[in-house]
Amino acid sequence: MHFSIIINAPRQKVWETMLADETYRKWTSVFNPSGSYFEGNWKEGSTMRFLGPEKDGSVSGMISRIRENRPYDYISIQHLGLVIKGQETIWPTQAGEEVLENYAFREVNGGTEVSIELVVPAEYKDMFNETWPKALEQLKMISEN
């Protein structure tokens, strides 16, 4: 899957808006209106948890690893498993079956093109086709202000 948007702001500002805790919570609210946040850091090789509250008060989300981080240029996230009601489940490793989120930042006419490439199971495609364009519009709005 591929999504992209042009944001009228420098790459460094867009990068920092996308990954900083406070603004990350804002633009990712599209994925979980109750709130979305991360635990961990964006350093290459580090483990991250992308989390949000469920209606019953429990926490769910993804366990991930930062595969690559080239500041202001590219970041790759490999999703390793799920957090469901606070319990972690790591997926069994299958050759060639990685679940990835890759973000590329490219300067375009004084602004920044953000391109998202997703490699996800088919059951998530409809949800992402609906939510990613909205999330990118939120990121654009926040980055341009």
C-alpha atoms as a PDB file:
ATOM      1  CA  MET A   1       0.000   0.000   0.000  1.00  0.00           C
ATOM      2  CA  HIS A   2       1.199   3.519  -0.736  1.00  0.00           C
ATOM      3  CA  PHE A   3       0.051   6.934   0.470  1.00  0.00           C
ATOM      4  CA  SER A   4       1.630  10.363   0.049  1.00  0.00           C
ATOM      5  CA  ILE A   5       0.983  14.039   0.673  1.00  0.00           C
ATOM      6  CA  ILE A   6       2.730  17.349  -0.001  1.00  0.00           C
ATOM      7  CA  ILE A   7       3.153  19.478   3.124  1.00  0.00           C
ATOM      8  CA  ASN A   8       4.115  23.140   2.896  1.00  0.00           C
ATOM      9  CA  ALA A   9       6.817  22.952   5.558  1.00  0.00           C
ATOM     10  CA  PRO A  10      10.517  22.007   5.653  1.00  0.00           C
ATOM     11  CA  ARG A  11      11.462  18.325   5.996  1.00  0.00           C
ATOM     12  CA  GLN A  12      12.931  18.797   9.473  1.00  0.00           C
ATOM     13  CA  LYS A  13       9.705  20.345  10.778  1.00  0.00           C
ATOM     14  CA  VAL A  14       7.523  17.633   9.193  1.00  0.00           C
ATOM     15  CA  TRP A  15       9.807  14.888  10.576  1.00  0.00           C
ATOM     16  CA  GLU A  16       9.738  16.364  14.064  1.00  0.00           C
ATOM     17  CA  THR A  17       5.968  16.898  13.915  1.00  0.00           C
ATOM     18  CA  MET A  18       5.418  13.315  12.824  1.00  0.00           C
ATOM     19  CA  LEU A  19       7.615  11.755  15.516  1.00  0.00           C
ATOM     20  CA  ALA A  20       7.428  14.086  18.556  1.00  0.00           C
ATOM     21  CA  ASP A  21       5.224  12.715  21.352  1.00  0.00           C
ATOM     22  CA  GLU A  22       2.782  15.639  21.598  1.00  0.00           C
ATOM     23  CA  THR A  23       2.146  16.025  17.859  1.00  0.00           C
ATOM     24  CA  TYR A  24       2.255  12.255  17.197  1.00  0.00           C
ATOM     25  CA  ARG A  25      -0.736  11.928  19.532  1.00  0.00           C
ATOM     26  CA  LYS A  26      -2.623  14.530  17.494  1.00  0.00           C
ATOM     27  CA  TRP A  27      -2.143  13.234  13.959  1.00  0.00           C
ATOM     28  CA  THR A  28      -2.551   9.560  14.913  1.00  0.00           C
ATOM     29  CA  SER A  29      -5.868  10.184  16.673  1.00  0.00           C
ATOM     30  CA  VAL A  30      -7.436   9.184  13.339  1.00  0.00           C
ATOM     31  CA  PHE A  31      -6.377   5.582  14.015  1.00  0.00           C
ATOM     32  CA  ASN A  32      -7.757   5.556  17.572  1.00  0.00           C
ATOM     33  CA  PRO A  33     -10.082   8.431  18.559  1.00  0.00           C
ATOM     34  CA  SER A  34      -9.608   7.497  22.243  1.00  0.00           C
ATOM     35  CA  GLY A  35      -5.930   8.378  21.894  1.00  0.00           C
ATOM     36  CA  SER A  36      -2.797   6.982  20.352  1.00  0.00           C
ATOM     37  CA  TYR A  37       0.743   7.165  21.719  1.00  0.00           C
ATOM     38  CA  PHE A  38       4.059   5.375  21.668  1.00  0.00           C
ATOM     39  CA  GLU A  39       6.449   3.993  24.267  1.00  0.00           C
ATOM     40  CA  GLY A  40      10.106   3.791  23.344  1.00  0.00           C
ATOM     41  CA  ASN A  41      12.277   5.862  21.059  1.00  0.00           C
ATOM     42  CA  TRP A  42      12.877   6.160  17.344  1.00  0.00           C
ATOM     43  CA  LYS A  43      16.525   5.012  17.425  1.00  0.00           C
ATOM     44  CA  GLU A  44      17.489   2.357  14.902  1.00  0.00           C
ATOM     45  CA  GLY A  45      17.193  -1.120  16.439  1.00  0.00           C
ATOM     46  CA  SER A  46      15.007  -0.012  19.357  1.00  0.00           C
ATOM     47  CA  THR A  47      11.714  -1.605  20.352  1.00  0.00           C
ATOM     48  CA  MET A  48       8.582   0.550  20.229  1.00  0.00           C
ATOM     49  CA  ARG A  49       5.039   0.027  21.399  1.00  0.00           C
ATOM     50  CA  PHE A  50       2.319   1.921  19.532  1.00  0.00           C
ATOM     51  CA  LEU A  51      -0.622   1.924  21.922  1.00  0.00           C
ATOM     52  CA  GLY A  52      -4.085   3.258  22.599  1.00  0.00           C
ATOM     53  CA  PRO A  53      -6.887   2.737  25.101  1.00  0.00           C
ATOM     54  CA  GLU A  54      -9.821   0.456  24.343  1.00  0.00           C
ATOM     55  CA  LYS A  55     -13.423   1.196  25.390  1.00  0.00           C
ATOM     56  CA  ASP A  56     -13.063  -1.144  28.378  1.00  0.00           C
ATOM     57  CA  GLY A  57     -10.028   0.811  29.639  1.00  0.00           C
ATOM     58  CA  SER A  58      -7.439  -1.774  28.590  1.00  0.00           C
ATOM     59  CA  VAL A  59      -4.510  -0.896  26.320  1.00  0.00           C
ATOM     60  CA  SER A  60      -3.953  -2.417  22.873  1.00  0.00           C
ATOM     61  CA  GLY A  61      -1.611  -1.785  19.965  1.00  0.00           C
ATOM     62  CA  MET A  62       1.515  -2.993  18.199  1.00  0.00           C
ATOM     63  CA  ILE A  63       4.995  -4.142  19.243  1.00  0.00           C
ATOM     64  CA  SER A  64       7.528  -2.937  16.699  1.00  0.00           C
ATOM     65  CA  ARG A  65      11.200  -2.444  15.969  1.00  0.00           C
ATOM     66  CA  ILE A  66      12.822   0.527  14.257  1.00  0.00           C
ATOM     67  CA  ARG A  67      14.636  -1.113  11.340  1.00  0.00           C
ATOM     68  CA  GLU A  68      16.193   2.016   9.901  1.00  0.00           C
ATOM     69  CA  ASN A  69      16.302   5.691  10.849  1.00  0.00           C
ATOM     70  CA  ARG A  70      17.924   8.304   8.608  1.00  0.00           C
ATOM     71  CA  PRO A  71      16.891  11.622  10.218  1.00  0.00           C
ATOM     72  CA  TYR A  72      14.727  13.903   8.068  1.00  0.00           C
ATOM     73  CA  ASP A  73      14.883  11.374   5.211  1.00  0.00           C
ATOM     74  CA  TYR A  74      13.579   7.866   5.965  1.00  0.00           C
ATOM     75  CA  ILE A  75      12.332   5.656   8.771  1.00  0.00           C
ATOM     76  CA  SER A  76      11.349   1.988   8.589  1.00  0.00           C
ATOM     77  CA  ILE A  77       9.262   0.231  11.240  1.00  0.00           C
ATOM     78  CA  GLN A  78       8.874  -3.544  11.410  1.00  0.00           C
ATOM     79  CA  HIS A  79       5.803  -4.673  13.333  1.00  0.00           C
ATOM     80  CA  LEU A  80       6.553  -7.768  15.404  1.00  0.00           C
ATOM     81  CA  GLY A  81       3.270  -8.480  17.157  1.00  0.00           C
ATOM     82  CA  LEU A  82       0.261  -7.180  19.030  1.00  0.00           C
ATOM     83  CA  VAL A  83      -0.631  -5.871  22.446  1.00  0.00           C
ATOM     84  CA  ILE A  84      -4.212  -6.918  23.253  1.00  0.00           C
ATOM     85  CA  LYS A  85      -5.681  -5.844  26.567  1.00  0.00           C
ATOM     86  CA  GLY A  86      -2.163  -5.273  27.868  1.00  0.00           C
ATOM     87  CA  GLN A  87      -0.879  -8.723  26.843  1.00  0.00           C
ATOM     88  CA  GLU A  88       1.926  -8.948  24.267  1.00  0.00           C
ATOM     89  CA  THR A  89       1.862 -11.547  21.496  1.00  0.00           C
ATOM     90  CA  ILE A  90       4.819 -11.808  19.120  1.00  0.00           C
ATOM     91  CA  TRP A  91       3.925 -13.218  15.717  1.00  0.00           C
ATOM     92  CA  PRO A  92       5.730 -16.359  14.554  1.00  0.00           C
ATOM     93  CA  THR A  93       8.452 -15.467  12.052  1.00  0.00           C
ATOM     94  CA  GLN A  94       7.691 -16.466   8.484  1.00  0.00           C
ATOM     95  CA  ALA A  95      10.230 -15.983   5.695  1.00  0.00           C
ATOM     96  CA  GLY A  96       9.221 -13.016   3.540  1.00  0.00           C
ATOM     97  CA  GLU A  97       6.188 -12.118   5.670  1.00  0.00           C
ATOM     98  CA  GLU A  98       7.322  -8.925   7.355  1.00  0.00           C
ATOM     99  CA  VAL A  99       4.769  -6.305   8.348  1.00  0.00           C
ATOM    100  CA  LEU A 100       6.351  -2.929   7.589  1.00  0.00           C
ATOM    101  CA  GLU A 101       5.681   0.797   7.671  1.00  0.00           C
ATOM    102  CA  ASN A 102       8.177   2.917   5.757  1.00  0.00           C
ATOM    103  CA  TYR A 103       8.181   6.726   5.739  1.00  0.00           C
ATOM    104  CA  ALA A 104      10.156   8.753   3.182  1.00  0.00           C
ATOM    105  CA  PHE A 105      10.557  12.546   3.324  1.00  0.00           C
ATOM    106  CA  ARG A 106      11.524  14.365   0.116  1.00  0.00           C
ATOM    107  CA  GLU A 107      11.904  18.088  -0.518  1.00  0.00           C
ATOM    108  CA  VAL A 108       9.505  19.300  -3.217  1.00  0.00           C
ATOM    109  CA  ASN A 109       9.234  22.973  -4.246  1.00  0.00           C
ATOM    110  CA  GLY A 110      10.157  24.261  -0.798  1.00  0.00           C
ATOM    111  CA  GLY A 111       7.801  21.807   0.909  1.00  0.00           C
ATOM    112  CA  THR A 112       7.978  18.151   1.844  1.00  0.00           C
ATOM    113  CA  GLU A 113       6.475  15.098   0.227  1.00  0.00           C
ATOM    114  CA  VAL A 114       5.778  12.419   2.818  1.00  0.00           C
ATOM    115  CA  SER A 115       5.404   8.960   1.283  1.00  0.00           C
ATOM    116  CA  ILE A 116       4.143   6.006   3.283  1.00  0.00           C
ATOM    117  CA  GLU A 117       4.656   2.434   2.115  1.00  0.00           C
ATOM    118  CA  LEU A 118       2.878  -0.316   4.055  1.00  0.00           C
ATOM    119  CA  VAL A 119       3.288  -4.061   3.834  1.00  0.00           C
ATOM    120  CA  VAL A 120       0.335  -5.402   5.831  1.00  0.00           C
ATOM    121  CA  PRO A 121      -1.988  -8.413   5.928  1.00  0.00           C
ATOM    122  CA  ALA A 122      -4.987  -8.121   3.615  1.00  0.00           C
ATOM    123  CA  GLU A 123      -7.488  -7.800   6.479  1.00  0.00           C
ATOM    124  CA  TYR A 124      -6.049  -4.358   7.390  1.00  0.00           C
ATOM    125  CA  LYS A 125      -6.113  -2.838   3.887  1.00  0.00           C
ATOM    126  CA  ASP A 126      -9.666  -1.418   3.951  1.00  0.00           C
ATOM    127  CA  MET A 127      -9.090   0.213   7.331  1.00  0.00           C
ATOM    128  CA  PHE A 128      -5.793   1.764   6.203  1.00  0.00           C
ATOM    129  CA  ASN A 129      -7.280   2.952   2.904  1.00  0.00           C
ATOM    130  CA  GLU A 130      -9.804   4.870   4.989  1.00  0.00           C
ATOM    131  CA  THR A 131      -7.572   6.124   7.806  1.00  0.00           C
ATOM    132  CA  TRP A 132      -4.143   6.903   6.283  1.00  0.00           C
ATOM    133  CA  PRO A 133      -5.356   9.728   3.988  1.00  0.00           C
ATOM    134  CA  LYS A 134      -7.110  11.341   6.978  1.00  0.00           C
ATOM    135  CA  ALA A 135      -4.028  10.914   9.175  1.00  0.00           C
ATOM    136  CA  LEU A 136      -1.818  12.530   6.524  1.00  0.00           C
ATOM    137  CA  GLU A 137      -4.239  15.472   6.274  1.00  0.00           C
ATOM    138  CA  GLN A 138      -3.953  15.885  10.063  1.00  0.00           C
ATOM    139  CA  LEU A 139      -0.156  15.761   9.837  1.00  0.00           C
ATOM    140  CA  LYS A 140      -0.263  18.387   7.060  1.00  0.00           C
ATOM    141  CA  MET A 141      -2.506  20.702   9.101  1.00  0.00           C
ATOM    142  CA  ILE A 142      -0.325  20.417  12.225  1.00  0.00           C
ATOM    143  CA  SER A 143       2.967  20.786  10.308  1.00  0.00           C
ATOM    144  CA  GLU A 144       1.841  23.852   8.371  1.00  0.00           C
ATOM    145  CA  ASN A 145       0.757  25.767  11.509  1.00  0.00           C
END
